[in-house]
Amino acid sequence: MVIEHKWDRLRELLRGMDGAVLAYSGGVDSSLLLKAASETRGLHCIAVTAVSETYPEVELYPAQEFARTLGVMHRILPTEELSSDAFIRNDPDRCYYCKKELFGKLRQIADEAGIPFLLDGSNVDDLADHRPGMTAAREYSVRSPLIEAQFTKSEIRELAHRLKLPMWDKPSLACLSSRIPYGTRITSDVLKKIQSAENHLRGLGFHQVRVRHHGETARIEVDRDEFWRVLSEDHSRKITTFLKELGYTYVCLDLAGYRTGSMNEGVTRSRNAV
């Protein structure tokens, strides 16, 4: 009953809006929000997917298809994070500059269409992580209805499953720059290397995967119950060979397993020590 109550609350929030531009990545969070918006009578909604070298390329087509099935207006928005030195120098506030670029362009779209609200798909669990992009969201008055309705990530997945949304169990696919340690400059070549490495692992059947870039070392994160597959003779040989062909000297498996925001762990420890 809790999830049903939150779903009702989400739709109630959306009914209070005349129009909204939604930052739509194609992930389960923004897709659930888009589903709710599409069913809200009187709400003029434009879904906008930002694409750049930091956006996992496998995301775009499914995002387009889902928006099409809902009958929602969908726009593709090129963004230029790599033209910003503040972004590519990759300090712990990197996400702020990325989101500032995105929300600034979304605000222009909204203003041109006479639409008052900007929305994103942040959920309650995001509040516990290092998320400087939320500062940019506040600056542009972006609302997060999933947070306002108190949805957690697990609740979003469960509801998406109940609603038969095709991406309900889709792995999280964050911005590719999140694979690069703070202080290491972000370049197009590094992003392409990471994309190729992760595509290779997914091609081998791994569901949730990250390849963290540490100079000459590729640190692989997968769910712990898939460790045995990484370490099997056939997969370990294919993974190591391919990643070394990409230019990595060392290939290692992170024994802590996949978790979101692992590059923020050092930032969190530093803040806790203060």
C-alpha atoms as a PDB file:
ATOM      1  CA  MET A   1       0.000   0.000   0.000  1.00  0.00           C
ATOM      2  CA  VAL A   2       2.936   2.324   0.607  1.00  0.00           C
ATOM      3  CA  ILE A   3       3.984   2.276  -3.050  1.00  0.00           C
ATOM      4  CA  GLU A   4       0.416   2.848  -4.235  1.00  0.00           C
ATOM      5  CA  HIS A   5       0.165   5.842  -1.916  1.00  0.00           C
ATOM      6  CA  LYS A   6       3.408   7.277  -3.280  1.00  0.00           C
ATOM      7  CA  TRP A   7       2.256   6.693  -6.857  1.00  0.00           C
ATOM      8  CA  ASP A   8      -0.940   8.596  -6.107  1.00  0.00           C
ATOM      9  CA  ARG A   9       1.089  11.374  -4.506  1.00  0.00           C
ATOM     10  CA  LEU A  10       3.378  11.573  -7.556  1.00  0.00           C
ATOM     11  CA  ARG A  11       0.461  11.979  -9.921  1.00  0.00           C
ATOM     12  CA  GLU A  12      -1.120  14.525  -7.625  1.00  0.00           C
ATOM     13  CA  LEU A  13       2.077  16.587  -7.770  1.00  0.00           C
ATOM     14  CA  LEU A  14       2.100  16.431 -11.559  1.00  0.00           C
ATOM     15  CA  ARG A  15      -1.559  17.443 -11.805  1.00  0.00           C
ATOM     16  CA  GLY A  16      -0.556  20.692 -10.125  1.00  0.00           C
ATOM     17  CA  MET A  17       1.615  21.621 -13.119  1.00  0.00           C
ATOM     18  CA  ASP A  18       0.505  23.131 -16.416  1.00  0.00           C
ATOM     19  CA  GLY A  19       3.585  22.019 -18.260  1.00  0.00           C
ATOM     20  CA  ALA A  20       7.007  20.507 -17.655  1.00  0.00           C
ATOM     21  CA  VAL A  21      10.306  19.827 -19.405  1.00  0.00           C
ATOM     22  CA  LEU A  22      11.688  16.540 -18.106  1.00  0.00           C
ATOM     23  CA  ALA A  23      15.376  15.623 -18.123  1.00  0.00           C
ATOM     24  CA  TYR A  24      14.929  12.123 -19.486  1.00  0.00           C
ATOM     25  CA  SER A  25      17.944   9.788 -19.487  1.00  0.00           C
ATOM     26  CA  GLY A  26      16.045   6.615 -20.362  1.00  0.00           C
ATOM     27  CA  GLY A  27      16.843   5.021 -16.994  1.00  0.00           C
ATOM     28  CA  VAL A  28      14.187   3.522 -14.746  1.00  0.00           C
ATOM     29  CA  ASP A  29      13.799   6.637 -12.568  1.00  0.00           C
ATOM     30  CA  SER A  30      13.130   9.189 -15.283  1.00  0.00           C
ATOM     31  CA  SER A  31      11.111   6.610 -17.244  1.00  0.00           C
ATOM     32  CA  LEU A  32       8.718   6.062 -14.334  1.00  0.00           C
ATOM     33  CA  LEU A  33       8.378   9.826 -13.971  1.00  0.00           C
ATOM     34  CA  LEU A  34       7.718  10.159 -17.702  1.00  0.00           C
ATOM     35  CA  LYS A  35       5.082   7.402 -17.494  1.00  0.00           C
ATOM     36  CA  ALA A  36       3.305   9.323 -14.734  1.00  0.00           C
ATOM     37  CA  ALA A  37       3.544  12.585 -16.678  1.00  0.00           C
ATOM     38  CA  SER A  38       2.160  10.969 -19.821  1.00  0.00           C
ATOM     39  CA  GLU A  39      -0.951   9.880 -17.902  1.00  0.00           C
ATOM     40  CA  THR A  40      -1.555  13.265 -16.284  1.00  0.00           C
ATOM     41  CA  ARG A  41      -4.418  15.004 -18.035  1.00  0.00           C
ATOM     42  CA  GLY A  42      -3.685  18.605 -18.930  1.00  0.00           C
ATOM     43  CA  LEU A  43       0.077  18.331 -18.408  1.00  0.00           C
ATOM     44  CA  HIS A  44       2.067  19.376 -21.470  1.00  0.00           C
ATOM     45  CA  CYS A  45       5.322  17.441 -21.088  1.00  0.00           C
ATOM     46  CA  ILE A  46       8.451  17.558 -23.227  1.00  0.00           C
ATOM     47  CA  ALA A  47      11.011  14.814 -22.543  1.00  0.00           C
ATOM     48  CA  VAL A  48      14.565  15.882 -23.347  1.00  0.00           C
ATOM     49  CA  THR A  49      17.485  13.469 -23.592  1.00  0.00           C
ATOM     50  CA  ALA A  50      20.909  15.066 -23.457  1.00  0.00           C
ATOM     51  CA  VAL A  51      23.556  13.344 -25.575  1.00  0.00           C
ATOM     52  CA  SER A  52      27.290  13.849 -25.523  1.00  0.00           C
ATOM     53  CA  GLU A  53      30.472  11.800 -25.266  1.00  0.00           C
ATOM     54  CA  THR A  54      29.692  11.225 -21.580  1.00  0.00           C
ATOM     55  CA  TYR A  55      26.302   9.608 -22.296  1.00  0.00           C
ATOM     56  CA  PRO A  56      26.346   5.792 -22.745  1.00  0.00           C
ATOM     57  CA  GLU A  57      25.414   5.320 -26.382  1.00  0.00           C
ATOM     58  CA  VAL A  58      23.343   2.187 -25.701  1.00  0.00           C
ATOM     59  CA  GLU A  59      20.799   4.331 -23.846  1.00  0.00           C
ATOM     60  CA  LEU A  60      19.501   6.483 -26.692  1.00  0.00           C
ATOM     61  CA  TYR A  61      17.431   4.132 -28.860  1.00  0.00           C
ATOM     62  CA  PRO A  62      15.475   2.533 -25.969  1.00  0.00           C
ATOM     63  CA  ALA A  63      14.780   6.022 -24.599  1.00  0.00           C
ATOM     64  CA  GLN A  64      13.417   7.132 -27.968  1.00  0.00           C
ATOM     65  CA  GLU A  65      11.255   4.014 -28.262  1.00  0.00           C
ATOM     66  CA  PHE A  66       9.757   4.359 -24.790  1.00  0.00           C
ATOM     67  CA  ALA A  67       8.873   8.027 -25.307  1.00  0.00           C
ATOM     68  CA  ARG A  68       7.307   7.090 -28.641  1.00  0.00           C
ATOM     69  CA  THR A  69       5.135   4.371 -27.082  1.00  0.00           C
ATOM     70  CA  LEU A  70       3.871   6.886 -24.512  1.00  0.00           C
ATOM     71  CA  GLY A  71       3.082   9.443 -27.193  1.00  0.00           C
ATOM     72  CA  VAL A  72       5.238  12.056 -25.473  1.00  0.00           C
ATOM     73  CA  MET A  73       7.097  14.803 -27.294  1.00  0.00           C
ATOM     74  CA  HIS A  74      10.780  13.837 -27.166  1.00  0.00           C
ATOM     75  CA  ARG A  75      13.777  15.974 -28.057  1.00  0.00           C
ATOM     76  CA  ILE A  76      17.454  15.057 -28.362  1.00  0.00           C
ATOM     77  CA  LEU A  77      19.687  17.761 -26.924  1.00  0.00           C
ATOM     78  CA  PRO A  78      23.428  17.846 -27.700  1.00  0.00           C
ATOM     79  CA  THR A  79      25.412  19.088 -24.706  1.00  0.00           C
ATOM     80  CA  GLU A  80      29.051  20.128 -24.636  1.00  0.00           C
ATOM     81  CA  GLU A  81      30.535  19.237 -21.269  1.00  0.00           C
ATOM     82  CA  LEU A  82      33.976  18.625 -22.762  1.00  0.00           C
ATOM     83  CA  SER A  83      34.186  22.240 -23.886  1.00  0.00           C
ATOM     84  CA  SER A  84      34.207  23.304 -20.221  1.00  0.00           C
ATOM     85  CA  ASP A  85      37.583  23.246 -18.495  1.00  0.00           C
ATOM     86  CA  ALA A  86      35.768  23.300 -15.151  1.00  0.00           C
ATOM     87  CA  PHE A  87      34.235  19.959 -16.130  1.00  0.00           C
ATOM     88  CA  ILE A  88      37.226  18.232 -17.706  1.00  0.00           C
ATOM     89  CA  ARG A  89      39.593  19.065 -14.861  1.00  0.00           C
ATOM     90  CA  ASN A  90      37.343  16.692 -12.904  1.00  0.00           C
ATOM     91  CA  ASP A  91      37.307  17.987  -9.348  1.00  0.00           C
ATOM     92  CA  PRO A  92      34.762  16.581  -6.846  1.00  0.00           C
ATOM     93  CA  ASP A  93      32.200  19.157  -8.027  1.00  0.00           C
ATOM     94  CA  ARG A  94      32.400  17.964 -11.643  1.00  0.00           C
ATOM     95  CA  CYS A  95      28.747  16.933 -11.713  1.00  0.00           C
ATOM     96  CA  TYR A  96      27.717  20.501 -10.888  1.00  0.00           C
ATOM     97  CA  TYR A  97      29.170  21.828 -14.158  1.00  0.00           C
ATOM     98  CA  CYS A  98      27.583  19.009 -16.166  1.00  0.00           C
ATOM     99  CA  LYS A  99      24.137  19.632 -14.682  1.00  0.00           C
ATOM    100  CA  LYS A 100      24.525  23.398 -15.001  1.00  0.00           C
ATOM    101  CA  GLU A 101      25.110  22.916 -18.736  1.00  0.00           C
ATOM    102  CA  LEU A 102      22.070  20.622 -18.967  1.00  0.00           C
ATOM    103  CA  PHE A 103      19.620  22.611 -16.864  1.00  0.00           C
ATOM    104  CA  GLY A 104      20.623  25.880 -18.491  1.00  0.00           C
ATOM    105  CA  LYS A 105      19.680  24.462 -21.896  1.00  0.00           C
ATOM    106  CA  LEU A 106      16.493  22.896 -20.542  1.00  0.00           C
ATOM    107  CA  ARG A 107      15.485  26.261 -19.126  1.00  0.00           C
ATOM    108  CA  GLN A 108      15.893  27.796 -22.587  1.00  0.00           C
ATOM    109  CA  ILE A 109      13.649  25.101 -24.086  1.00  0.00           C
ATOM    110  CA  ALA A 110      11.059  25.638 -21.344  1.00  0.00           C
ATOM    111  CA  ASP A 111      11.080  29.417 -21.723  1.00  0.00           C
ATOM    112  CA  GLU A 112      10.690  29.204 -25.500  1.00  0.00           C
ATOM    113  CA  ALA A 113       7.701  26.878 -25.077  1.00  0.00           C
ATOM    114  CA  GLY A 114       6.166  28.899 -22.247  1.00  0.00           C
ATOM    115  CA  ILE A 115       6.539  25.967 -19.853  1.00  0.00           C
ATOM    116  CA  PRO A 116       7.025  26.786 -16.160  1.00  0.00           C
ATOM    117  CA  PHE A 117       8.571  23.627 -14.674  1.00  0.00           C
ATOM    118  CA  LEU A 118      11.797  21.673 -15.078  1.00  0.00           C
ATOM    119  CA  LEU A 119      11.812  18.117 -13.696  1.00  0.00           C
ATOM    120  CA  ASP A 120      14.438  15.471 -13.062  1.00  0.00           C
ATOM    121  CA  GLY A 121      14.307  11.848 -11.928  1.00  0.00           C
ATOM    122  CA  SER A 122      16.289  12.071  -8.685  1.00  0.00           C
ATOM    123  CA  ASN A 123      15.063   9.766  -5.934  1.00  0.00           C
ATOM    124  CA  VAL A 124      15.414   9.675  -2.139  1.00  0.00           C
ATOM    125  CA  ASP A 125      18.483   7.418  -2.225  1.00  0.00           C
ATOM    126  CA  ASP A 126      20.355  10.069  -4.222  1.00  0.00           C
ATOM    127  CA  LEU A 127      20.237  12.358  -1.201  1.00  0.00           C
ATOM    128  CA  ALA A 128      22.670  10.075   0.659  1.00  0.00           C
ATOM    129  CA  ASP A 129      25.388  10.303  -2.011  1.00  0.00           C
ATOM    130  CA  HIS A 130      27.752  13.097  -3.066  1.00  0.00           C
ATOM    131  CA  ARG A 131      25.562  14.832  -5.670  1.00  0.00           C
ATOM    132  CA  PRO A 132      26.816  18.340  -6.518  1.00  0.00           C
ATOM    133  CA  GLY A 133      24.467  18.325  -9.492  1.00  0.00           C
ATOM    134  CA  MET A 134      21.655  18.950  -7.044  1.00  0.00           C
ATOM    135  CA  THR A 135      23.126  22.391  -6.385  1.00  0.00           C
ATOM    136  CA  ALA A 136      22.708  23.195 -10.077  1.00  0.00           C
ATOM    137  CA  ALA A 137      19.173  21.828  -9.898  1.00  0.00           C
ATOM    138  CA  ARG A 138      18.319  24.240  -7.094  1.00  0.00           C
ATOM    139  CA  GLU A 139      19.821  27.155  -9.016  1.00  0.00           C
ATOM    140  CA  TYR A 140      17.513  26.446 -11.957  1.00  0.00           C
ATOM    141  CA  SER A 141      14.503  25.624  -9.737  1.00  0.00           C
ATOM    142  CA  VAL A 142      14.376  22.031 -10.977  1.00  0.00           C
ATOM    143  CA  ARG A 143      11.816  19.916  -9.158  1.00  0.00           C
ATOM    144  CA  SER A 144      12.348  16.239  -8.307  1.00  0.00           C
ATOM    145  CA  PRO A 145       8.843  14.772  -7.972  1.00  0.00           C
ATOM    146  CA  LEU A 146      10.139  11.302  -7.081  1.00  0.00           C
ATOM    147  CA  ILE A 147      11.858  12.822  -4.048  1.00  0.00           C
ATOM    148  CA  GLU A 148       8.793  14.895  -3.212  1.00  0.00           C
ATOM    149  CA  ALA A 149       6.729  11.683  -3.290  1.00  0.00           C
ATOM    150  CA  GLN A 150       9.433   9.930  -1.196  1.00  0.00           C
ATOM    151  CA  PHE A 151      10.287   7.184  -3.701  1.00  0.00           C
ATOM    152  CA  THR A 152      13.374   5.060  -3.042  1.00  0.00           C
ATOM    153  CA  LYS A 153      15.238   3.321  -5.856  1.00  0.00           C
ATOM    154  CA  SER A 154      13.935  -0.121  -4.899  1.00  0.00           C
ATOM    155  CA  GLU A 155      10.353   1.185  -4.813  1.00  0.00           C
ATOM    156  CA  ILE A 156      10.791   2.734  -8.251  1.00  0.00           C
ATOM    157  CA  ARG A 157      11.977  -0.591  -9.664  1.00  0.00           C
ATOM    158  CA  GLU A 158       9.153  -2.488  -7.996  1.00  0.00           C
ATOM    159  CA  LEU A 159       6.512  -0.102  -9.311  1.00  0.00           C
ATOM    160  CA  ALA A 160       8.067  -0.085 -12.782  1.00  0.00           C
ATOM    161  CA  HIS A 161       7.861  -3.881 -12.715  1.00  0.00           C
ATOM    162  CA  ARG A 162       4.198  -3.788 -11.707  1.00  0.00           C
ATOM    163  CA  LEU A 163       3.492  -1.321 -14.521  1.00  0.00           C
ATOM    164  CA  LYS A 164       5.386  -3.568 -16.957  1.00  0.00           C
ATOM    165  CA  LEU A 165       7.818  -0.855 -17.979  1.00  0.00           C
ATOM    166  CA  PRO A 166      10.474  -2.470 -20.188  1.00  0.00           C
ATOM    167  CA  MET A 167      13.385  -0.944 -18.274  1.00  0.00           C
ATOM    168  CA  TRP A 168      12.256  -1.961 -14.773  1.00  0.00           C
ATOM    169  CA  ASP A 169      15.349  -4.159 -14.238  1.00  0.00           C
ATOM    170  CA  LYS A 170      17.665  -2.144 -16.437  1.00  0.00           C
ATOM    171  CA  PRO A 171      21.129  -1.696 -14.897  1.00  0.00           C
ATOM    172  CA  SER A 172      22.107   1.776 -13.774  1.00  0.00           C
ATOM    173  CA  LEU A 173      24.123   3.515 -16.478  1.00  0.00           C
ATOM    174  CA  ALA A 174      25.524   6.724 -15.055  1.00  0.00           C
ATOM    175  CA  CYS A 175      27.525   9.346 -16.934  1.00  0.00           C
ATOM    176  CA  LEU A 176      30.751   7.781 -18.238  1.00  0.00           C
ATOM    177  CA  SER A 177      32.841  10.434 -16.492  1.00  0.00           C
ATOM    178  CA  SER A 178      31.845   8.800 -13.190  1.00  0.00           C
ATOM    179  CA  ARG A 179      34.342   6.035 -14.032  1.00  0.00           C
ATOM    180  CA  ILE A 180      37.282   8.455 -13.841  1.00  0.00           C
ATOM    181  CA  PRO A 181      38.914   9.368 -10.491  1.00  0.00           C
ATOM    182  CA  TYR A 182      38.655  12.978  -9.389  1.00  0.00           C
ATOM    183  CA  GLY A 183      41.748  14.884 -10.444  1.00  0.00           C
ATOM    184  CA  THR A 184      42.235  12.884 -13.656  1.00  0.00           C
ATOM    185  CA  ARG A 185      41.333  15.017 -16.650  1.00  0.00           C
ATOM    186  CA  ILE A 186      38.400  13.817 -18.717  1.00  0.00           C
ATOM    187  CA  THR A 187      39.174  13.332 -22.394  1.00  0.00           C
ATOM    188  CA  SER A 188      37.273  11.983 -25.343  1.00  0.00           C
ATOM    189  CA  ASP A 189      39.798   9.144 -25.761  1.00  0.00           C
ATOM    190  CA  VAL A 190      39.384   7.970 -22.161  1.00  0.00           C
ATOM    191  CA  LEU A 191      35.582   8.063 -22.424  1.00  0.00           C
ATOM    192  CA  LYS A 192      35.682   5.996 -25.622  1.00  0.00           C
ATOM    193  CA  LYS A 193      38.020   3.480 -23.951  1.00  0.00           C
ATOM    194  CA  ILE A 194      35.660   3.093 -20.994  1.00  0.00           C
ATOM    195  CA  GLN A 195      32.632   2.754 -23.288  1.00  0.00           C
ATOM    196  CA  SER A 196      34.361   0.044 -25.335  1.00  0.00           C
ATOM    197  CA  ALA A 197      35.438  -1.858 -22.224  1.00  0.00           C
ATOM    198  CA  GLU A 198      31.955  -1.862 -20.710  1.00  0.00           C
ATOM    199  CA  ASN A 199      30.323  -2.786 -24.019  1.00  0.00           C
ATOM    200  CA  HIS A 200      32.671  -5.777 -24.227  1.00  0.00           C
ATOM    201  CA  LEU A 201      31.705  -6.974 -20.750  1.00  0.00           C
ATOM    202  CA  ARG A 202      28.007  -6.558 -21.473  1.00  0.00           C
ATOM    203  CA  GLY A 203      28.523  -8.494 -24.672  1.00  0.00           C
ATOM    204  CA  LEU A 204      29.792 -11.349 -22.513  1.00  0.00           C
ATOM    205  CA  GLY A 205      26.521 -11.303 -20.599  1.00  0.00           C
ATOM    206  CA  PHE A 206      27.331  -9.204 -17.537  1.00  0.00           C
ATOM    207  CA  HIS A 207      24.240  -7.297 -16.413  1.00  0.00           C
ATOM    208  CA  GLN A 208      25.500  -4.580 -14.031  1.00  0.00           C
ATOM    209  CA  VAL A 209      29.060  -3.517 -14.736  1.00  0.00           C
ATOM    210  CA  ARG A 210      31.457  -0.614 -14.335  1.00  0.00           C
ATOM    211  CA  VAL A 211      34.987  -0.271 -15.644  1.00  0.00           C
ATOM    212  CA  ARG A 212      36.719   2.315 -13.483  1.00  0.00           C
ATOM    213  CA  HIS A 213      39.659   3.984 -15.209  1.00  0.00           C
ATOM    214  CA  HIS A 214      42.829   4.354 -13.102  1.00  0.00           C
ATOM    215  CA  GLY A 215      45.462   5.273 -15.683  1.00  0.00           C
ATOM    216  CA  GLU A 216      47.056   1.985 -16.752  1.00  0.00           C
ATOM    217  CA  THR A 217      44.652  -0.024 -14.591  1.00  0.00           C
ATOM    218  CA  ALA A 218      41.056  -1.008 -15.341  1.00  0.00           C
ATOM    219  CA  ARG A 219      39.116  -1.799 -12.140  1.00  0.00           C
ATOM    220  CA  ILE A 220      36.073  -3.919 -12.921  1.00  0.00           C
ATOM    221  CA  GLU A 221      32.972  -3.803 -10.748  1.00  0.00           C
ATOM    222  CA  VAL A 222      30.259  -6.425 -11.180  1.00  0.00           C
ATOM    223  CA  ASP A 223      27.687  -7.864  -8.787  1.00  0.00           C
ATOM    224  CA  ARG A 224      29.326 -10.267  -6.334  1.00  0.00           C
ATOM    225  CA  ASP A 225      27.301 -13.219  -7.578  1.00  0.00           C
ATOM    226  CA  GLU A 226      28.962 -12.762 -10.968  1.00  0.00           C
ATOM    227  CA  PHE A 227      32.552 -12.886  -9.676  1.00  0.00           C
ATOM    228  CA  TRP A 228      32.875 -16.524 -10.686  1.00  0.00           C
ATOM    229  CA  ARG A 229      32.034 -15.648 -14.290  1.00  0.00           C
ATOM    230  CA  VAL A 230      34.690 -12.933 -14.452  1.00  0.00           C
ATOM    231  CA  LEU A 231      37.259 -15.342 -13.016  1.00  0.00           C
ATOM    232  CA  SER A 232      36.361 -18.307 -15.194  1.00  0.00           C
ATOM    233  CA  GLU A 233      39.185 -19.202 -17.540  1.00  0.00           C
ATOM    234  CA  ASP A 234      37.300 -18.328 -20.712  1.00  0.00           C
ATOM    235  CA  HIS A 235      35.903 -14.974 -19.536  1.00  0.00           C
ATOM    236  CA  SER A 236      39.025 -13.815 -17.728  1.00  0.00           C
ATOM    237  CA  ARG A 237      41.081 -14.443 -20.865  1.00  0.00           C
ATOM    238  CA  LYS A 238      38.616 -12.613 -23.134  1.00  0.00           C
ATOM    239  CA  ILE A 239      38.274  -9.677 -20.743  1.00  0.00           C
ATOM    240  CA  THR A 240      41.995  -9.290 -20.112  1.00  0.00           C
ATOM    241  CA  THR A 241      42.920  -9.610 -23.779  1.00  0.00           C
ATOM    242  CA  PHE A 242      40.366  -7.049 -24.917  1.00  0.00           C
ATOM    243  CA  LEU A 243      41.110  -4.478 -22.222  1.00  0.00           C
ATOM    244  CA  LYS A 244      44.825  -4.736 -22.843  1.00  0.00           C
ATOM    245  CA  GLU A 245      44.170  -4.164 -26.544  1.00  0.00           C
ATOM    246  CA  LEU A 246      42.404  -0.956 -25.476  1.00  0.00           C
ATOM    247  CA  GLY A 247      45.626   0.161 -23.770  1.00  0.00           C
ATOM    248  CA  TYR A 248      45.277  -0.993 -20.170  1.00  0.00           C
ATOM    249  CA  THR A 249      48.347  -2.635 -18.647  1.00  0.00           C
ATOM    250  CA  TYR A 250      46.566  -4.092 -15.617  1.00  0.00           C
ATOM    251  CA  VAL A 251      43.056  -5.512 -15.303  1.00  0.00           C
ATOM    252  CA  CYS A 252      41.657  -6.157 -11.835  1.00  0.00           C
ATOM    253  CA  LEU A 253      38.367  -7.171 -10.190  1.00  0.00           C
ATOM    254  CA  ASP A 254      37.107  -5.022  -7.307  1.00  0.00           C
ATOM    255  CA  LEU A 255      36.329  -7.471  -4.476  1.00  0.00           C
ATOM    256  CA  ALA A 256      33.784  -5.064  -2.976  1.00  0.00           C
ATOM    257  CA  GLY A 257      31.625  -5.630  -6.046  1.00  0.00           C
ATOM    258  CA  TYR A 258      29.466  -3.171  -7.949  1.00  0.00           C
ATOM    259  CA  ARG A 259      28.109  -0.181  -6.042  1.00  0.00           C
ATOM    260  CA  THR A 260      26.959   3.235  -7.160  1.00  0.00           C
ATOM    261  CA  GLY A 261      29.277   6.174  -6.628  1.00  0.00           C
ATOM    262  CA  SER A 262      32.407   4.215  -5.720  1.00  0.00           C
ATOM    263  CA  MET A 263      34.522   7.141  -6.947  1.00  0.00           C
ATOM    264  CA  ASN A 264      32.876   9.220  -4.203  1.00  0.00           C
ATOM    265  CA  GLU A 265      34.114   6.965  -1.403  1.00  0.00           C
ATOM    266  CA  GLY A 266      37.297   8.970  -0.929  1.00  0.00           C
ATOM    267  CA  VAL A 267      35.303  12.216  -0.832  1.00  0.00           C
ATOM    268  CA  THR A 268      32.924  10.766   1.775  1.00  0.00           C
ATOM    269  CA  ARG A 269      35.775   9.512   3.970  1.00  0.00           C
ATOM    270  CA  SER A 270      37.489  12.900   3.839  1.00  0.00           C
ATOM    271  CA  ARG A 271      34.308  14.708   4.907  1.00  0.00           C
ATOM    272  CA  ASN A 272      33.654  12.236   7.720  1.00  0.00           C
ATOM    273  CA  ALA A 273      37.177  12.789   9.020  1.00  0.00           C
ATOM    274  CA  VAL A 274      36.605  16.550   9.380  1.00  0.00           C
END
